[in-house]
Amino acid sequence: MPRNAPPDVGRKIKLLRAEQKLTLEQLAQMSGVSKSMLSQIERGRTNPTLAILWTLTQSLEIDISDLLNADQNDGPDSAKITHIKAHQTPKIQSADGKCTLKILGPIDLVTKTEWYDMTMTTGGLLESEGHAEGTKEHLTLLEGTLSVRNGTEEIILSTGDTARYDADIPHYIENKGKNMARALMIVLTP
């Protein structure tokens, strides 16, 4: 494996499935991920989303970090830099299809710290139910304008502005502007 290659998630899923003597169909039924999607993941033809990875690790009864750790030794020849190509960065799409969140943070920190590169087209809305108690979000706008609401408060962000807000209650990010908006979002869970 090249030094900067990402972990071969598909191969690991296939090995774990074989160890547990599961067919593709059985894992599909257990996880709710389609058989064709599982096949594509195992063959390295598609990169699974964070939600799919989570579902598969729960079905296989393993930690998600075990699945994503690269197959590298910790010896002197092991890579000191992990290089994730742009096309390998997992993405989440909002329900309306107008917001894309690129998952920038390492998967093993997902329960504590998450960070995203967010793009939202005009009219896009990202609705979030409250996260775990004490969760905070930090949103820095890089381009465009965005509206941020939580509770009864609403603010409008302009390019360069940052909003920090409680995310353990329902909150909304909306692009009411005329242009696409891009922001960096960090979610901190205690």
Protein backbone atom coordinates (compact mmCIF):
# COMPACT_ATOMS: atom_id res chain seq x y z
CA MET A 1 0.00 0.00 0.00
CA PRO A 2 1.45 3.43 -0.89
CA ARG A 3 2.45 5.52 2.11
CA ASN A 4 -0.26 8.14 1.53
CA ALA A 5 -3.07 5.77 0.57
CA PRO A 6 -6.33 5.88 2.54
CA PRO A 7 -7.46 2.77 4.37
CA ASP A 8 -8.97 0.11 2.14
CA VAL A 9 -12.39 0.15 3.78
CA GLY A 10 -13.99 -2.09 1.17
CA ARG A 11 -11.38 -4.83 1.62
CA LYS A 12 -11.73 -4.62 5.41
CA ILE A 13 -15.53 -4.92 5.22
CA LYS A 14 -15.22 -7.93 2.92
CA LEU A 15 -12.73 -9.61 5.29
CA LEU A 16 -14.91 -8.93 8.35
CA ARG A 17 -17.99 -10.21 6.54
CA ALA A 18 -16.12 -13.38 5.57
CA GLU A 19 -14.81 -13.86 9.13
CA GLN A 20 -18.38 -13.67 10.41
CA LYS A 21 -19.51 -16.04 7.62
CA LEU A 22 -22.00 -13.53 6.26
CA THR A 23 -23.13 -13.27 2.66
CA LEU A 24 -23.58 -9.89 0.98
CA GLU A 25 -27.32 -10.41 1.25
CA GLN A 26 -27.15 -11.16 4.99
CA LEU A 27 -25.06 -8.05 5.72
CA ALA A 28 -27.42 -6.00 3.54
CA GLN A 29 -30.40 -7.22 5.60
CA MET A 30 -28.60 -6.59 8.92
CA SER A 31 -27.42 -3.09 8.00
CA GLY A 32 -30.15 -1.81 5.68
CA VAL A 33 -27.46 -0.99 3.07
CA SER A 34 -28.36 -2.39 -0.34
CA LYS A 35 -26.55 -5.46 -1.63
CA SER A 36 -25.41 -3.57 -4.74
CA MET A 37 -24.00 -0.71 -2.63
CA LEU A 38 -22.14 -3.20 -0.40
CA SER A 39 -20.69 -4.87 -3.48
CA GLN A 40 -19.50 -1.52 -4.86
CA ILE A 41 -17.92 -0.60 -1.50
CA GLU A 42 -16.15 -3.96 -1.19
CA ARG A 43 -14.77 -3.65 -4.75
CA GLY A 44 -13.57 -0.08 -4.09
CA ARG A 45 -15.90 1.37 -6.72
CA THR A 46 -17.54 3.85 -4.34
CA ASN A 47 -16.71 5.58 -1.09
CA PRO A 48 -19.32 5.05 1.62
CA THR A 49 -20.79 8.00 3.51
CA LEU A 50 -20.23 8.37 7.24
CA ALA A 51 -23.81 7.20 7.85
CA ILE A 52 -23.24 4.01 5.83
CA LEU A 53 -19.93 3.34 7.60
CA TRP A 54 -21.62 3.80 10.96
CA THR A 55 -24.43 1.40 10.03
CA LEU A 56 -21.99 -1.23 8.77
CA THR A 57 -19.74 -1.04 11.83
CA GLN A 58 -22.74 -1.39 14.12
CA SER A 59 -23.95 -4.42 12.16
CA LEU A 60 -20.47 -6.00 12.21
CA GLU A 61 -20.06 -5.06 15.90
CA ILE A 62 -16.77 -3.20 15.46
CA ASP A 63 -15.59 0.32 16.23
CA ILE A 64 -15.63 2.68 13.27
CA SER A 65 -12.04 3.71 14.02
CA ASP A 66 -10.92 0.06 13.58
CA LEU A 67 -12.39 0.08 10.10
CA LEU A 68 -10.73 3.34 9.10
CA ASN A 69 -7.26 2.90 10.58
CA ALA A 70 -4.79 2.49 7.77
CA ASP A 71 -2.97 -0.82 7.40
CA GLN A 72 0.42 0.60 8.31
CA ASN A 73 3.11 -0.39 10.73
CA ASP A 74 4.28 2.09 13.31
CA GLY A 75 7.88 1.45 12.33
CA PRO A 76 10.33 3.99 10.93
CA ASP A 77 8.98 3.55 7.38
CA SER A 78 5.37 4.32 8.29
CA ALA A 79 3.77 7.46 6.89
CA LYS A 80 3.90 10.59 8.97
CA ILE A 81 1.36 12.37 6.76
CA THR A 82 -2.05 11.02 5.82
CA HIS A 83 -3.12 12.30 2.41
CA ILE A 84 -6.81 12.17 1.54
CA LYS A 85 -7.56 13.04 -2.07
CA ALA A 86 -10.46 15.42 -2.73
CA HIS A 87 -12.58 12.70 -4.36
CA GLN A 88 -12.09 10.48 -1.28
CA THR A 89 -13.50 13.02 1.17
CA PRO A 90 -16.88 11.75 2.42
CA LYS A 91 -19.89 14.01 1.87
CA ILE A 92 -23.31 14.37 3.45
CA GLN A 93 -26.23 15.90 1.52
CA SER A 94 -29.10 17.77 3.18
CA ALA A 95 -32.67 16.54 2.76
CA ASP A 96 -33.41 19.30 0.21
CA GLY A 97 -30.24 18.48 -1.78
CA LYS A 98 -29.09 22.12 -1.60
CA CYS A 99 -26.48 21.72 1.12
CA THR A 100 -23.34 19.58 0.98
CA LEU A 101 -21.14 18.92 3.99
CA LYS A 102 -17.66 17.57 3.24
CA ILE A 103 -16.42 15.68 6.29
CA LEU A 104 -12.96 17.09 7.00
CA GLY A 105 -12.33 15.68 10.47
CA PRO A 106 -10.89 12.25 11.19
CA ILE A 107 -13.53 9.62 11.78
CA ASP A 108 -12.13 8.59 15.17
CA LEU A 109 -13.01 12.04 16.58
CA VAL A 110 -16.61 12.03 15.32
CA THR A 111 -18.15 11.68 18.79
CA LYS A 112 -16.21 14.70 20.13
CA THR A 113 -15.15 17.01 17.32
CA GLU A 114 -16.48 17.20 13.79
CA TRP A 115 -15.58 19.72 11.13
CA TYR A 116 -17.07 20.30 7.73
CA ASP A 117 -16.65 22.33 4.57
CA MET A 118 -20.24 23.36 3.87
CA THR A 119 -21.65 24.66 0.59
CA MET A 120 -25.27 25.73 0.25
CA THR A 121 -27.09 26.95 -2.83
CA THR A 122 -29.72 29.69 -2.77
CA GLY A 123 -32.82 28.58 -0.89
CA GLY A 124 -30.96 25.77 0.88
CA LEU A 125 -31.90 24.86 4.45
CA LEU A 126 -30.00 22.66 6.89
CA GLU A 127 -32.34 21.68 9.71
CA SER A 128 -30.83 20.01 12.78
CA GLU A 129 -32.59 18.54 15.78
CA GLY A 130 -30.77 19.16 19.02
CA HIS A 131 -27.52 17.21 19.35
CA ALA A 132 -26.18 15.84 22.65
CA GLU A 133 -26.51 18.11 25.68
CA GLY A 134 -23.82 20.79 25.76
CA THR A 135 -22.98 20.55 22.03
CA LYS A 136 -21.81 23.81 20.41
CA GLU A 137 -21.45 24.67 16.74
CA HIS A 138 -19.02 27.21 15.31
CA LEU A 139 -19.82 28.42 11.80
CA THR A 140 -17.42 30.68 9.88
CA LEU A 141 -18.74 32.05 6.60
CA LEU A 142 -16.20 32.09 3.77
CA GLU A 143 -18.49 33.20 0.91
CA GLY A 144 -22.02 34.56 0.55
CA THR A 145 -24.55 35.12 3.35
CA LEU A 146 -26.28 32.71 5.70
CA SER A 147 -29.02 32.92 8.29
CA VAL A 148 -28.51 31.01 11.55
CA ARG A 149 -31.45 30.33 13.88
CA ASN A 150 -31.62 28.55 17.20
CA GLY A 151 -34.50 28.93 19.57
CA THR A 152 -36.05 32.34 18.91
CA GLU A 153 -32.81 34.06 17.90
CA GLU A 154 -31.75 34.59 14.28
CA ILE A 155 -28.63 36.27 12.92
CA ILE A 156 -27.38 36.96 9.41
CA LEU A 157 -23.75 36.16 8.68
CA SER A 158 -21.72 38.00 6.04
CA THR A 159 -18.44 36.81 4.55
CA GLY A 160 -15.83 36.48 7.31
CA ASP A 161 -18.35 36.38 10.19
CA THR A 162 -18.47 33.57 12.73
CA ALA A 163 -21.48 32.37 14.71
CA ARG A 164 -21.10 30.27 17.86
CA TYR A 165 -24.31 28.79 19.21
CA ASP A 166 -25.87 26.06 21.30
CA ALA A 167 -26.56 23.04 19.13
CA ASP A 168 -28.35 20.91 21.73
CA ILE A 169 -31.64 22.50 20.67
CA PRO A 170 -33.19 22.58 17.17
CA HIS A 171 -31.23 24.95 14.93
CA TYR A 172 -31.29 25.97 11.29
CA ILE A 173 -28.85 27.31 8.73
CA GLU A 174 -30.41 28.84 5.64
CA ASN A 175 -29.15 30.54 2.49
CA LYS A 176 -31.60 33.39 1.88
CA GLY A 177 -29.07 35.15 -0.34
CA LYS A 178 -28.80 35.28 -4.12
CA ASN A 179 -25.50 33.39 -4.37
CA MET A 180 -24.03 30.13 -3.18
CA ALA A 181 -22.63 30.23 0.37
CA ARG A 182 -19.60 28.38 1.71
CA ALA A 183 -18.65 27.98 5.35
CA LEU A 184 -16.53 25.97 7.74
CA MET A 185 -18.49 24.31 10.55
CA ILE A 186 -17.07 22.80 13.71
CA VAL A 187 -19.28 20.76 16.05
CA LEU A 188 -17.95 20.25 19.57
CA THR A 189 -19.61 17.67 21.80
CA PRO A 190 -18.66 17.52 25.51
